Amino acid sequence: MVTRNEILKKCVEHKHALIFAAGIATAIVGKKVLESKTVKDAATQGMASVMAVRKDAEETFQDMRENAEEIVIDAHEENKKEIYVEAKE
């Protein structure tokens, strides 16, 4: 009868072959997982969520930019008023 120690010794002797076989098995299982409908649906939902967040962020950034431009215009008008008021005095 073969003992566990003998099996472990054989595995250690052929560890490179085992690593290669494990790599092939991982690739096959990974391909099956990635091709599954569940993973595709989850990836599609994730991408849709990311696109929605991106659109919201762009809209928020555009609003912030418009507000900042208005503040700059108002500040320039305030500065011009102050200059003209000082010049009349």
PDB file of N, CA and C in Angstrom:
ATOM      1  N   MET A   1       0.840  -1.177   0.000  1.00  0.00           N
ATOM      2  CA  MET A   1       0.000   0.000   0.000  1.00  0.00           C
ATOM      3  C   MET A   1       0.892   1.251   0.000  1.00  0.00           C
ATOM      4  N   VAL A   2       0.462   2.262  -0.733  1.00  0.00           N
ATOM      5  CA  VAL A   2       1.231   3.496  -0.866  1.00  0.00           C
ATOM      6  C   VAL A   2       0.858   4.430   0.288  1.00  0.00           C
ATOM      7  N   THR A   3       1.869   4.952   0.947  1.00  0.00           N
ATOM      8  CA  THR A   3       1.605   5.842   2.080  1.00  0.00           C
ATOM      9  C   THR A   3       1.521   7.292   1.599  1.00  0.00           C
ATOM     10  N   ARG A   4       1.049   8.112   2.460  1.00  0.00           N
ATOM     11  CA  ARG A   4       0.923   9.546   2.135  1.00  0.00           C
ATOM     12  C   ARG A   4       2.286  10.179   1.910  1.00  0.00           C
ATOM     13  N   ASN A   5       3.254   9.773   2.695  1.00  0.00           N
ATOM     14  CA  ASN A   5       4.602  10.319   2.537  1.00  0.00           C
ATOM     15  C   ASN A   5       5.167  10.000   1.157  1.00  0.00           C
ATOM     16  N   GLU A   6       4.925   8.799   0.670  1.00  0.00           N
ATOM     17  CA  GLU A   6       5.409   8.418  -0.651  1.00  0.00           C
ATOM     18  C   GLU A   6       4.721   9.259  -1.736  1.00  0.00           C
ATOM     19  N   ILE A   7       3.444   9.514  -1.558  1.00  0.00           N
ATOM     20  CA  ILE A   7       2.703  10.344  -2.528  1.00  0.00           C
ATOM     21  C   ILE A   7       3.252  11.762  -2.519  1.00  0.00           C
ATOM     22  N   LEU A   8       3.499  12.304  -1.337  1.00  0.00           N
ATOM     23  CA  LEU A   8       4.053  13.655  -1.230  1.00  0.00           C
ATOM     24  C   LEU A   8       5.437  13.739  -1.853  1.00  0.00           C
ATOM     25  N   LYS A   9       6.258  12.710  -1.645  1.00  0.00           N
ATOM     26  CA  LYS A   9       7.596  12.692  -2.245  1.00  0.00           C
ATOM     27  C   LYS A   9       7.498  12.690  -3.766  1.00  0.00           C
ATOM     28  N   LYS A  10       6.577  11.914  -4.324  1.00  0.00           N
ATOM     29  CA  LYS A  10       6.387  11.866  -5.778  1.00  0.00           C
ATOM     30  C   LYS A  10       5.931  13.224  -6.301  1.00  0.00           C
ATOM     31  N   CYS A  11       5.040  13.882  -5.556  1.00  0.00           N
ATOM     32  CA  CYS A  11       4.545  15.203  -5.969  1.00  0.00           C
ATOM     33  C   CYS A  11       5.672  16.230  -5.955  1.00  0.00           C
ATOM     34  N   VAL A  12       6.518  16.169  -4.945  1.00  0.00           N
ATOM     35  CA  VAL A  12       7.630  17.110  -4.849  1.00  0.00           C
ATOM     36  C   VAL A  12       8.614  16.873  -5.995  1.00  0.00           C
ATOM     37  N   GLU A  13       8.829  15.634  -6.359  1.00  0.00           N
ATOM     38  CA  GLU A  13       9.728  15.312  -7.463  1.00  0.00           C
ATOM     39  C   GLU A  13       9.205  15.880  -8.785  1.00  0.00           C
ATOM     40  N   HIS A  14       7.918  15.914  -8.944  1.00  0.00           N
ATOM     41  CA  HIS A  14       7.308  16.350 -10.202  1.00  0.00           C
ATOM     42  C   HIS A  14       6.549  17.669 -10.021  1.00  0.00           C
ATOM     43  N   LYS A  15       7.048  18.567  -9.179  1.00  0.00           N
ATOM     44  CA  LYS A  15       6.297  19.784  -8.876  1.00  0.00           C
ATOM     45  C   LYS A  15       6.159  20.699 -10.090  1.00  0.00           C
ATOM     46  N   HIS A  16       7.151  20.724 -10.971  1.00  0.00           N
ATOM     47  CA  HIS A  16       7.041  21.567 -12.159  1.00  0.00           C
ATOM     48  C   HIS A  16       5.928  21.076 -13.086  1.00  0.00           C
ATOM     49  N   ALA A  17       5.798  19.773 -13.211  1.00  0.00           N
ATOM     50  CA  ALA A  17       4.728  19.199 -14.027  1.00  0.00           C
ATOM     51  C   ALA A  17       3.371  19.495 -13.389  1.00  0.00           C
ATOM     52  N   LEU A  18       3.320  19.425 -12.055  1.00  0.00           N
ATOM     53  CA  LEU A  18       2.069  19.727 -11.359  1.00  0.00           C
ATOM     54  C   LEU A  18       1.691  21.201 -11.509  1.00  0.00           C
ATOM     55  N   ILE A  19       2.687  22.083 -11.434  1.00  0.00           N
ATOM     56  CA  ILE A  19       2.420  23.515 -11.606  1.00  0.00           C
ATOM     57  C   ILE A  19       1.917  23.786 -13.018  1.00  0.00           C
ATOM     58  N   PHE A  20       2.539  23.139 -14.013  1.00  0.00           N
ATOM     59  CA  PHE A  20       2.104  23.290 -15.400  1.00  0.00           C
ATOM     60  C   PHE A  20       0.667  22.800 -15.569  1.00  0.00           C
ATOM     61  N   ALA A  21       0.360  21.640 -15.018  1.00  0.00           N
ATOM     62  CA  ALA A  21      -0.994  21.080 -15.113  1.00  0.00           C
ATOM     63  C   ALA A  21      -2.005  21.983 -14.399  1.00  0.00           C
ATOM     64  N   ALA A  22      -1.597  22.525 -13.252  1.00  0.00           N
ATOM     65  CA  ALA A  22      -2.492  23.432 -12.527  1.00  0.00           C
ATOM     66  C   ALA A  22      -2.744  24.697 -13.335  1.00  0.00           C
ATOM     67  N   GLY A  23      -1.724  25.196 -14.037  1.00  0.00           N
ATOM     68  CA  GLY A  23      -1.895  26.368 -14.899  1.00  0.00           C
ATOM     69  C   GLY A  23      -2.873  26.109 -16.033  1.00  0.00           C
ATOM     70  N   ILE A  24      -2.749  24.952 -16.645  1.00  0.00           N
ATOM     71  CA  ILE A  24      -3.679  24.592 -17.729  1.00  0.00           C
ATOM     72  C   ILE A  24      -5.095  24.457 -17.180  1.00  0.00           C
ATOM     73  N   ALA A  25      -5.240  23.804 -16.038  1.00  0.00           N
ATOM     74  CA  ALA A  25      -6.567  23.640 -15.435  1.00  0.00           C
ATOM     75  C   ALA A  25      -7.163  24.995 -15.080  1.00  0.00           C
ATOM     76  N   THR A  26      -6.338  25.900 -14.554  1.00  0.00           N
ATOM     77  CA  THR A  26      -6.825  27.237 -14.210  1.00  0.00           C
ATOM     78  C   THR A  26      -7.281  27.981 -15.453  1.00  0.00           C
ATOM     79  N   ALA A  27      -6.533  27.863 -16.542  1.00  0.00           N
ATOM     80  CA  ALA A  27      -6.911  28.527 -17.786  1.00  0.00           C
ATOM     81  C   ALA A  27      -8.235  27.993 -18.320  1.00  0.00           C
ATOM     82  N   ILE A  28      -8.411  26.690 -18.269  1.00  0.00           N
ATOM     83  CA  ILE A  28      -9.656  26.089 -18.770  1.00  0.00           C
ATOM     84  C   ILE A  28     -10.841  26.514 -17.911  1.00  0.00           C
ATOM     85  N   VAL A  29     -10.675  26.429 -16.602  1.00  0.00           N
ATOM     86  CA  VAL A  29     -11.765  26.829 -15.698  1.00  0.00           C
ATOM     87  C   VAL A  29     -12.037  28.326 -15.838  1.00  0.00           C
ATOM     88  N   GLY A  30     -10.980  29.134 -15.928  1.00  0.00           N
ATOM     89  CA  GLY A  30     -11.146  30.579 -16.084  1.00  0.00           C
ATOM     90  C   GLY A  30     -11.898  30.930 -17.351  1.00  0.00           C
ATOM     91  N   LYS A  31     -11.581  30.239 -18.444  1.00  0.00           N
ATOM     92  CA  LYS A  31     -12.277  30.489 -19.711  1.00  0.00           C
ATOM     93  C   LYS A  31     -13.764  30.165 -19.573  1.00  0.00           C
ATOM     94  N   LYS A  32     -14.061  29.052 -18.943  1.00  0.00           N
ATOM     95  CA  LYS A  32     -15.471  28.673 -18.753  1.00  0.00           C
ATOM     96  C   LYS A  32     -16.205  29.696 -17.894  1.00  0.00           C
ATOM     97  N   VAL A  33     -15.538  30.156 -16.850  1.00  0.00           N
ATOM     98  CA  VAL A  33     -16.163  31.140 -15.958  1.00  0.00           C
ATOM     99  C   VAL A  33     -16.408  32.444 -16.715  1.00  0.00           C
ATOM    100  N   LEU A  34     -15.397  32.903 -17.461  1.00  0.00           N
ATOM    101  CA  LEU A  34     -15.540  34.175 -18.179  1.00  0.00           C
ATOM    102  C   LEU A  34     -16.572  34.109 -19.290  1.00  0.00           C
ATOM    103  N   GLU A  35     -16.791  32.942 -19.848  1.00  0.00           N
ATOM    104  CA  GLU A  35     -17.779  32.797 -20.905  1.00  0.00           C
ATOM    105  C   GLU A  35     -19.201  32.598 -20.373  1.00  0.00           C
ATOM    106  N   SER A  36     -19.353  32.434 -19.088  1.00  0.00           N
ATOM    107  CA  SER A  36     -20.675  32.162 -18.530  1.00  0.00           C
ATOM    108  C   SER A  36     -21.571  33.396 -18.628  1.00  0.00           C
ATOM    109  N   LYS A  37     -22.848  33.147 -18.757  1.00  0.00           N
ATOM    110  CA  LYS A  37     -23.828  34.228 -18.889  1.00  0.00           C
ATOM    111  C   LYS A  37     -23.879  35.087 -17.630  1.00  0.00           C
ATOM    112  N   THR A  38     -23.729  34.480 -16.485  1.00  0.00           N
ATOM    113  CA  THR A  38     -23.771  35.222 -15.226  1.00  0.00           C
ATOM    114  C   THR A  38     -22.656  36.257 -15.152  1.00  0.00           C
ATOM    115  N   VAL A  39     -21.455  35.857 -15.524  1.00  0.00           N
ATOM    116  CA  VAL A  39     -20.320  36.783 -15.487  1.00  0.00           C
ATOM    117  C   VAL A  39     -20.516  37.900 -16.508  1.00  0.00           C
ATOM    118  N   LYS A  40     -21.007  37.542 -17.699  1.00  0.00           N
ATOM    119  CA  LYS A  40     -21.249  38.564 -18.720  1.00  0.00           C
ATOM    120  C   LYS A  40     -22.305  39.563 -18.252  1.00  0.00           C
ATOM    121  N   ASP A  41     -23.371  39.059 -17.648  1.00  0.00           N
ATOM    122  CA  ASP A  41     -24.412  39.954 -17.142  1.00  0.00           C
ATOM    123  C   ASP A  41     -23.878  40.860 -16.035  1.00  0.00           C
ATOM    124  N   ALA A  42     -23.071  40.301 -15.150  1.00  0.00           N
ATOM    125  CA  ALA A  42     -22.499  41.098 -14.061  1.00  0.00           C
ATOM    126  C   ALA A  42     -21.549  42.164 -14.612  1.00  0.00           C
ATOM    127  N   ALA A  43     -20.748  41.789 -15.603  1.00  0.00           N
ATOM    128  CA  ALA A  43     -19.828  42.755 -16.205  1.00  0.00           C
ATOM    129  C   ALA A  43     -20.592  43.863 -16.920  1.00  0.00           C
ATOM    130  N   THR A  44     -21.673  43.506 -17.590  1.00  0.00           N
ATOM    131  CA  THR A  44     -22.488  44.506 -18.280  1.00  0.00           C
ATOM    132  C   THR A  44     -23.124  45.463 -17.282  1.00  0.00           C
ATOM    133  N   GLN A  45     -23.652  44.932 -16.195  1.00  0.00           N
ATOM    134  CA  GLN A  45     -24.241  45.776 -15.164  1.00  0.00           C
ATOM    135  C   GLN A  45     -23.188  46.693 -14.541  1.00  0.00           C
ATOM    136  N   GLY A  46     -22.014  46.148 -14.300  1.00  0.00           N
ATOM    137  CA  GLY A  46     -20.930  46.957 -13.745  1.00  0.00           C
ATOM    138  C   GLY A  46     -20.528  48.080 -14.680  1.00  0.00           C
ATOM    139  N   MET A  47     -20.417  47.776 -15.964  1.00  0.00           N
ATOM    140  CA  MET A  47     -20.041  48.794 -16.942  1.00  0.00           C
ATOM    141  C   MET A  47     -21.126  49.864 -17.047  1.00  0.00           C
ATOM    142  N   ALA A  48     -22.381  49.462 -17.011  1.00  0.00           N
ATOM    143  CA  ALA A  48     -23.475  50.435 -17.060  1.00  0.00           C
ATOM    144  C   ALA A  48     -23.437  51.354 -15.841  1.00  0.00           C
ATOM    145  N   SER A  49     -23.146  50.800 -14.690  1.00  0.00           N
ATOM    146  CA  SER A  49     -23.042  51.616 -13.477  1.00  0.00           C
ATOM    147  C   SER A  49     -21.898  52.617 -13.574  1.00  0.00           C
ATOM    148  N   VAL A  50     -20.769  52.156 -14.078  1.00  0.00           N
ATOM    149  CA  VAL A  50     -19.614  53.045 -14.228  1.00  0.00           C
ATOM    150  C   VAL A  50     -19.928  54.175 -15.202  1.00  0.00           C
ATOM    151  N   MET A  51     -20.598  53.855 -16.295  1.00  0.00           N
ATOM    152  CA  MET A  51     -20.951  54.878 -17.285  1.00  0.00           C
ATOM    153  C   MET A  51     -21.935  55.890 -16.701  1.00  0.00           C
ATOM    154  N   ALA A  52     -22.875  55.428 -15.876  1.00  0.00           N
ATOM    155  CA  ALA A  52     -23.835  56.341 -15.251  1.00  0.00           C
ATOM    156  C   ALA A  52     -23.122  57.267 -14.261  1.00  0.00           C
ATOM    157  N   VAL A  53     -22.206  56.726 -13.484  1.00  0.00           N
ATOM    158  CA  VAL A  53     -21.455  57.544 -12.526  1.00  0.00           C
ATOM    159  C   VAL A  53     -20.606  58.564 -13.276  1.00  0.00           C
ATOM    160  N   ARG A  54     -19.999  58.132 -14.368  1.00  0.00           N
ATOM    161  CA  ARG A  54     -19.164  59.043 -15.163  1.00  0.00           C
ATOM    162  C   ARG A  54     -20.001  60.196 -15.715  1.00  0.00           C
ATOM    163  N   LYS A  55     -21.191  59.878 -16.213  1.00  0.00           N
ATOM    164  CA  LYS A  55     -22.064  60.916 -16.761  1.00  0.00           C
ATOM    165  C   LYS A  55     -22.473  61.913 -15.666  1.00  0.00           C
ATOM    166  N   ASP A  56     -22.825  61.401 -14.496  1.00  0.00           N
ATOM    167  CA  ASP A  56     -23.185  62.276 -13.375  1.00  0.00           C
ATOM    168  C   ASP A  56     -22.005  63.156 -12.962  1.00  0.00           C
ATOM    169  N   ALA A  57     -20.813  62.579 -12.939  1.00  0.00           N
ATOM    170  CA  ALA A  57     -19.631  63.348 -12.564  1.00  0.00           C
ATOM    171  C   ALA A  57     -19.350  64.451 -13.588  1.00  0.00           C
ATOM    172  N   GLU A  58     -19.513  64.140 -14.872  1.00  0.00           N
ATOM    173  CA  GLU A  58     -19.302  65.153 -15.912  1.00  0.00           C
ATOM    174  C   GLU A  58     -20.304  66.292 -15.781  1.00  0.00           C
ATOM    175  N   GLU A  59     -21.565  65.958 -15.505  1.00  0.00           N
ATOM    176  CA  GLU A  59     -22.585  66.991 -15.337  1.00  0.00           C
ATOM    177  C   GLU A  59     -22.276  67.857 -14.118  1.00  0.00           C
ATOM    178  N   THR A  60     -21.878  67.230 -13.023  1.00  0.00           N
ATOM    179  CA  THR A  60     -21.535  67.984 -11.818  1.00  0.00           C
ATOM    180  C   THR A  60     -20.337  68.888 -12.076  1.00  0.00           C
ATOM    181  N   PHE A  61     -19.325  68.368 -12.760  1.00  0.00           N
ATOM    182  CA  PHE A  61     -18.147  69.165 -13.074  1.00  0.00           C
ATOM    183  C   PHE A  61     -18.519  70.353 -13.958  1.00  0.00           C
ATOM    184  N   GLN A  62     -19.399  70.131 -14.927  1.00  0.00           N
ATOM    185  CA  GLN A  62     -19.817  71.223 -15.808  1.00  0.00           C
ATOM    186  C   GLN A  62     -20.557  72.301 -15.008  1.00  0.00           C
ATOM    187  N   ASP A  63     -21.429  71.901 -14.094  1.00  0.00           N
ATOM    188  CA  ASP A  63     -22.129  72.864 -13.245  1.00  0.00           C
ATOM    189  C   ASP A  63     -21.147  73.663 -12.383  1.00  0.00           C
ATOM    190  N   MET A  64     -20.168  72.964 -11.809  1.00  0.00           N
ATOM    191  CA  MET A  64     -19.166  73.646 -10.989  1.00  0.00           C
ATOM    192  C   MET A  64     -18.368  74.637 -11.833  1.00  0.00           C
ATOM    193  N   ARG A  65     -18.046  74.250 -13.045  1.00  0.00           N
ATOM    194  CA  ARG A  65     -17.287  75.132 -13.931  1.00  0.00           C
ATOM    195  C   ARG A  65     -18.077  76.386 -14.277  1.00  0.00           C
ATOM    196  N   GLU A  66     -19.353  76.200 -14.602  1.00  0.00           N
ATOM    197  CA  GLU A  66     -20.201  77.353 -14.924  1.00  0.00           C
ATOM    198  C   GLU A  66     -20.323  78.290 -13.723  1.00  0.00           C
ATOM    199  N   ASN A  67     -20.499  77.722 -12.542  1.00  0.00           N
ATOM    200  CA  ASN A  67     -20.586  78.551 -11.332  1.00  0.00           C
ATOM    201  C   ASN A  67     -19.287  79.307 -11.083  1.00  0.00           C
ATOM    202  N   ALA A  68     -18.165  78.634 -11.284  1.00  0.00           N
ATOM    203  CA  ALA A  68     -16.869  79.290 -11.084  1.00  0.00           C
ATOM    204  C   ALA A  68     -16.677  80.423 -12.086  1.00  0.00           C
ATOM    205  N   GLU A  69     -17.090  80.216 -13.328  1.00  0.00           N
ATOM    206  CA  GLU A  69     -16.975  81.265 -14.339  1.00  0.00           C
ATOM    207  C   GLU A  69     -17.831  82.476 -13.957  1.00  0.00           C
ATOM    208  N   GLU A  70     -19.030  82.227 -13.439  1.00  0.00           N
ATOM    209  CA  GLU A  70     -19.899  83.320 -13.003  1.00  0.00           C
ATOM    210  C   GLU A  70     -19.274  84.087 -11.844  1.00  0.00           C
ATOM    211  N   ILE A  71     -18.655  83.374 -10.915  1.00  0.00           N
ATOM    212  CA  ILE A  71     -17.999  84.026  -9.784  1.00  0.00           C
ATOM    213  C   ILE A  71     -16.854  84.906 -10.269  1.00  0.00           C
ATOM    214  N   VAL A  72     -16.088  84.416 -11.227  1.00  0.00           N
ATOM    215  CA  VAL A  72     -14.969  85.202 -11.759  1.00  0.00           C
ATOM    216  C   VAL A  72     -15.486  86.454 -12.459  1.00  0.00           C
ATOM    217  N   ILE A  73     -16.549  86.326 -13.241  1.00  0.00           N
ATOM    218  CA  ILE A  73     -17.129  87.480 -13.934  1.00  0.00           C
ATOM    219  C   ILE A  73     -17.634  88.496 -12.916  1.00  0.00           C
ATOM    220  N   ASP A  74     -18.333  88.013 -11.883  1.00  0.00           N
ATOM    221  CA  ASP A  74     -18.833  88.916 -10.837  1.00  0.00           C
ATOM    222  C   ASP A  74     -17.680  89.612 -10.110  1.00  0.00           C
ATOM    223  N   ALA A  75     -16.606  88.892  -9.855  1.00  0.00           N
ATOM    224  CA  ALA A  75     -15.457  89.480  -9.158  1.00  0.00           C
ATOM    225  C   ALA A  75     -14.819  90.573 -10.010  1.00  0.00           C
ATOM    226  N   HIS A  76     -14.733  90.346 -11.316  1.00  0.00           N
ATOM    227  CA  HIS A  76     -14.166  91.366 -12.195  1.00  0.00           C
ATOM    228  C   HIS A  76     -15.052  92.611 -12.230  1.00  0.00           C
ATOM    229  N   GLU A  77     -16.365  92.415 -12.240  1.00  0.00           N
ATOM    230  CA  GLU A  77     -17.283  93.555 -12.231  1.00  0.00           C
ATOM    231  C   GLU A  77     -17.158  94.335 -10.925  1.00  0.00           C
ATOM    232  N   GLU A  78     -17.019  93.632  -9.798  1.00  0.00           N
ATOM    233  CA  GLU A  78     -16.845  94.290  -8.501  1.00  0.00           C
ATOM    234  C   GLU A  78     -15.560  95.115  -8.491  1.00  0.00           C
ATOM    235  N   ASN A  79     -14.491  94.547  -9.035  1.00  0.00           N
ATOM    236  CA  ASN A  79     -13.214  95.266  -9.081  1.00  0.00           C
ATOM    237  C   ASN A  79     -13.331  96.519  -9.946  1.00  0.00           C
ATOM    238  N   LYS A  80     -14.029  96.422 -11.073  1.00  0.00           N
ATOM    239  CA  LYS A  80     -14.194  97.581 -11.952  1.00  0.00           C
ATOM    240  C   LYS A  80     -15.006  98.662 -11.253  1.00  0.00           C
ATOM    241  N   LYS A  81     -16.063  98.277 -10.532  1.00  0.00           N
ATOM    242  CA  LYS A  81     -16.880  99.254  -9.808  1.00  0.00           C
ATOM    243  C   LYS A  81     -16.047  99.968  -8.757  1.00  0.00           C
ATOM    244  N   GLU A  82     -15.220  99.222  -8.025  1.00  0.00           N
ATOM    245  CA  GLU A  82     -14.381  99.821  -6.994  1.00  0.00           C
ATOM    246  C   GLU A  82     -13.384 100.799  -7.611  1.00  0.00           C
ATOM    247  N   ILE A  83     -12.826 100.457  -8.733  1.00  0.00           N
ATOM    248  CA  ILE A  83     -11.854 101.340  -9.399  1.00  0.00           C
ATOM    249  C   ILE A  83     -12.529 102.627  -9.840  1.00  0.00           C
ATOM    250  N   TYR A  84     -13.732 102.517 -10.423  1.00  0.00           N
ATOM    251  CA  TYR A  84     -14.416 103.712 -10.905  1.00  0.00           C
ATOM    252  C   TYR A  84     -14.903 104.582  -9.746  1.00  0.00           C
ATOM    253  N   VAL A  85     -15.317 103.972  -8.648  1.00  0.00           N
ATOM    254  CA  VAL A  85     -15.767 104.716  -7.486  1.00  0.00           C
ATOM    255  C   VAL A  85     -14.586 105.501  -6.901  1.00  0.00           C
ATOM    256  N   GLU A  86     -13.435 104.901  -6.779  1.00  0.00           N
ATOM    257  CA  GLU A  86     -12.246 105.560  -6.241  1.00  0.00           C
ATOM    258  C   GLU A  86     -11.779 106.674  -7.171  1.00  0.00           C
ATOM    259  N   ALA A  87     -11.938 106.473  -8.459  1.00  0.00           N
ATOM    260  CA  ALA A  87     -11.473 107.474  -9.428  1.00  0.00           C
ATOM    261  C   ALA A  87     -12.355 108.709  -9.370  1.00  0.00           C
ATOM    262  N   LYS A  88     -13.661 108.597  -9.093  1.00  0.00           N
ATOM    263  CA  LYS A  88     -14.567 109.731  -9.046  1.00  0.00           C
ATOM    264  C   LYS A  88     -14.342 110.561  -7.790  1.00  0.00           C
ATOM    265  N   GLU A  89     -13.859 109.974  -6.743  1.00  0.00           N
ATOM    266  CA  GLU A  89     -13.667 110.686  -5.480  1.00  0.00           C
ATOM    267  C   GLU A  89     -12.470 111.513  -5.584  1.00  0.00           C
TER     268      GLU A  89
END
